[in-house]
Amino acid sequence: MTIARPHTATSWDLVLDALDARLVSAAEASDVSNTLDEWTPPSDLGPLPVRLVGRARSILGRTDRLVEDLDATRVEVGRELSTLARRSSMQVAAPASASVDVSA
């Protein structure tokens, strides 16, 4: 027999705590590729209690800002890599030999 989890605000508090911790971890990480993944709310909690809507919106807003920052960083790194690729493909001419007449 399976016992369903109670549909309590406390359970939603725990879910939001976990989301918040993941967001903080992702914001502090140098490699977020494994930190931010798609999230689906647990199906056994019931609707989000009204008193937690503001907190959930705050987490969503911070997540959106982090994604925007990551996108901007990705674009900038792409530009820098493109610049480096162009520079490395330029052929540097060999310096012309020079001689100095020291007999004069």
C-alpha atoms as a PDB file:
ATOM      1  CA  MET A   1       0.000   0.000   0.000  1.00  0.00           C
ATOM      2  CA  THR A   2       1.327   3.446  -0.965  1.00  0.00           C
ATOM      3  CA  ILE A   3       0.767   6.383   1.322  1.00  0.00           C
ATOM      4  CA  ALA A   4       0.344   9.665  -0.502  1.00  0.00           C
ATOM      5  CA  ARG A   5       2.251  12.692   0.734  1.00  0.00           C
ATOM      6  CA  PRO A   6       0.033  15.221   2.453  1.00  0.00           C
ATOM      7  CA  HIS A   7      -0.912  18.279   0.422  1.00  0.00           C
ATOM      8  CA  THR A   8       0.442  20.806   2.816  1.00  0.00           C
ATOM      9  CA  ALA A   9       2.068  24.192   2.521  1.00  0.00           C
ATOM     10  CA  THR A  10       5.000  22.686   4.406  1.00  0.00           C
ATOM     11  CA  SER A  11       5.618  20.322   1.499  1.00  0.00           C
ATOM     12  CA  TRP A  12       5.507  23.241  -0.933  1.00  0.00           C
ATOM     13  CA  ASP A  13       7.858  25.141   1.380  1.00  0.00           C
ATOM     14  CA  LEU A  14      10.340  22.267   1.055  1.00  0.00           C
ATOM     15  CA  VAL A  15       9.998  22.211  -2.735  1.00  0.00           C
ATOM     16  CA  LEU A  16      10.569  25.968  -2.947  1.00  0.00           C
ATOM     17  CA  ASP A  17      13.533  25.669  -0.560  1.00  0.00           C
ATOM     18  CA  ALA A  18      15.069  23.081  -2.898  1.00  0.00           C
ATOM     19  CA  LEU A  19      14.421  25.251  -5.966  1.00  0.00           C
ATOM     20  CA  ASP A  20      15.934  28.255  -4.236  1.00  0.00           C
ATOM     21  CA  ALA A  21      19.029  26.255  -3.268  1.00  0.00           C
ATOM     22  CA  ARG A  22      19.459  25.030  -6.859  1.00  0.00           C
ATOM     23  CA  LEU A  23      19.172  28.588  -8.120  1.00  0.00           C
ATOM     24  CA  VAL A  24      21.772  29.875  -5.654  1.00  0.00           C
ATOM     25  CA  SER A  25      24.084  26.991  -6.568  1.00  0.00           C
ATOM     26  CA  ALA A  26      23.670  27.689 -10.287  1.00  0.00           C
ATOM     27  CA  ALA A  27      24.329  31.406  -9.830  1.00  0.00           C
ATOM     28  CA  GLU A  28      27.570  30.647  -7.970  1.00  0.00           C
ATOM     29  CA  ALA A  29      28.754  27.849 -10.265  1.00  0.00           C
ATOM     30  CA  SER A  30      31.346  28.344 -12.967  1.00  0.00           C
ATOM     31  CA  ASP A  31      29.813  25.446 -14.920  1.00  0.00           C
ATOM     32  CA  VAL A  32      26.031  25.461 -14.779  1.00  0.00           C
ATOM     33  CA  SER A  33      25.525  22.830 -17.451  1.00  0.00           C
ATOM     34  CA  ASN A  34      24.493  20.254 -14.855  1.00  0.00           C
ATOM     35  CA  THR A  35      22.934  22.678 -12.399  1.00  0.00           C
ATOM     36  CA  LEU A  36      20.009  24.128 -14.302  1.00  0.00           C
ATOM     37  CA  ASP A  37      17.738  21.607 -15.875  1.00  0.00           C
ATOM     38  CA  GLU A  38      14.060  21.567 -16.650  1.00  0.00           C
ATOM     39  CA  TRP A  39      11.905  21.375 -13.560  1.00  0.00           C
ATOM     40  CA  THR A  40       8.427  19.947 -13.225  1.00  0.00           C
ATOM     41  CA  PRO A  41       6.470  20.456 -10.027  1.00  0.00           C
ATOM     42  CA  PRO A  42       5.644  17.290  -8.109  1.00  0.00           C
ATOM     43  CA  SER A  43       2.238  16.005  -9.097  1.00  0.00           C
ATOM     44  CA  ASP A  44       1.342  14.822  -5.613  1.00  0.00           C
ATOM     45  CA  LEU A  45       1.436  18.186  -3.829  1.00  0.00           C
ATOM     46  CA  GLY A  46      -1.741  19.727  -5.069  1.00  0.00           C
ATOM     47  CA  PRO A  47      -1.997  23.383  -5.998  1.00  0.00           C
ATOM     48  CA  LEU A  48       0.485  25.932  -4.735  1.00  0.00           C
ATOM     49  CA  PRO A  49      -0.913  27.638  -1.632  1.00  0.00           C
ATOM     50  CA  VAL A  50      -1.769  31.302  -2.131  1.00  0.00           C
ATOM     51  CA  ARG A  51       0.619  32.390   0.619  1.00  0.00           C
ATOM     52  CA  LEU A  52       3.548  30.950  -1.396  1.00  0.00           C
ATOM     53  CA  VAL A  53       2.684  32.486  -4.776  1.00  0.00           C
ATOM     54  CA  GLY A  54       4.876  35.537  -4.163  1.00  0.00           C
ATOM     55  CA  ARG A  55       7.852  33.399  -3.209  1.00  0.00           C
ATOM     56  CA  ALA A  56       7.377  31.161  -6.240  1.00  0.00           C
ATOM     57  CA  ARG A  57       7.193  34.230  -8.530  1.00  0.00           C
ATOM     58  CA  SER A  58      10.369  35.606  -6.961  1.00  0.00           C
ATOM     59  CA  ILE A  59      12.212  32.344  -7.650  1.00  0.00           C
ATOM     60  CA  LEU A  60      10.887  32.320 -11.219  1.00  0.00           C
ATOM     61  CA  GLY A  61      12.018  35.917 -11.761  1.00  0.00           C
ATOM     62  CA  ARG A  62      15.497  35.177 -10.431  1.00  0.00           C
ATOM     63  CA  THR A  63      15.664  32.096 -12.645  1.00  0.00           C
ATOM     64  CA  ASP A  64      14.701  34.142 -15.706  1.00  0.00           C
ATOM     65  CA  ARG A  65      17.385  36.746 -14.897  1.00  0.00           C
ATOM     66  CA  LEU A  66      20.016  34.032 -14.470  1.00  0.00           C
ATOM     67  CA  VAL A  67      19.096  32.495 -17.824  1.00  0.00           C
ATOM     68  CA  GLU A  68      19.310  35.944 -19.470  1.00  0.00           C
ATOM     69  CA  ASP A  69      22.733  36.517 -17.893  1.00  0.00           C
ATOM     70  CA  LEU A  70      23.930  33.108 -19.067  1.00  0.00           C
ATOM     71  CA  ASP A  71      22.685  33.802 -22.604  1.00  0.00           C
ATOM     72  CA  ALA A  72      24.510  37.152 -22.657  1.00  0.00           C
ATOM     73  CA  THR A  73      27.684  35.483 -21.388  1.00  0.00           C
ATOM     74  CA  ARG A  74      27.373  32.755 -24.017  1.00  0.00           C
ATOM     75  CA  VAL A  75      27.086  35.385 -26.778  1.00  0.00           C
ATOM     76  CA  GLU A  76      30.104  37.297 -25.443  1.00  0.00           C
ATOM     77  CA  VAL A  77      32.215  34.139 -25.190  1.00  0.00           C
ATOM     78  CA  GLY A  78      31.197  33.284 -28.765  1.00  0.00           C
ATOM     79  CA  ARG A  79      32.425  36.698 -29.923  1.00  0.00           C
ATOM     80  CA  GLU A  80      35.698  36.267 -28.079  1.00  0.00           C
ATOM     81  CA  LEU A  81      36.227  32.809 -29.564  1.00  0.00           C
ATOM     82  CA  SER A  82      35.488  34.147 -33.029  1.00  0.00           C
ATOM     83  CA  THR A  83      38.035  36.936 -32.530  1.00  0.00           C
ATOM     84  CA  LEU A  84      40.636  34.442 -31.353  1.00  0.00           C
ATOM     85  CA  ALA A  85      39.944  32.196 -34.333  1.00  0.00           C
ATOM     86  CA  ARG A  86      40.420  35.115 -36.731  1.00  0.00           C
ATOM     87  CA  ARG A  87      43.653  36.158 -35.027  1.00  0.00           C
ATOM     88  CA  SER A  88      45.078  32.662 -35.007  1.00  0.00           C
ATOM     89  CA  SER A  89      44.290  32.206 -38.700  1.00  0.00           C
ATOM     90  CA  MET A  90      46.216  35.343 -39.680  1.00  0.00           C
ATOM     91  CA  GLN A  91      49.590  34.497 -41.088  1.00  0.00           C
ATOM     92  CA  VAL A  92      52.389  36.448 -39.508  1.00  0.00           C
ATOM     93  CA  ALA A  93      54.946  37.469 -42.089  1.00  0.00           C
ATOM     94  CA  ALA A  94      58.475  36.368 -41.346  1.00  0.00           C
ATOM     95  CA  PRO A  95      60.621  39.316 -40.402  1.00  0.00           C
ATOM     96  CA  ALA A  96      62.839  40.577 -43.200  1.00  0.00           C
ATOM     97  CA  SER A  97      66.488  39.947 -42.592  1.00  0.00           C
ATOM     98  CA  ALA A  98      68.439  43.033 -41.722  1.00  0.00           C
ATOM     99  CA  SER A  99      72.124  43.652 -41.738  1.00  0.00           C
ATOM    100  CA  VAL A 100      74.128  46.499 -40.369  1.00  0.00           C
ATOM    101  CA  ASP A 101      77.290  47.736 -42.041  1.00  0.00           C
ATOM    102  CA  VAL A 102      79.724  48.029 -39.171  1.00  0.00           C
ATOM    103  CA  SER A 103      82.784  48.636 -41.361  1.00  0.00           C
ATOM    104  CA  ALA A 104      82.093  52.324 -41.858  1.00  0.00           C
END
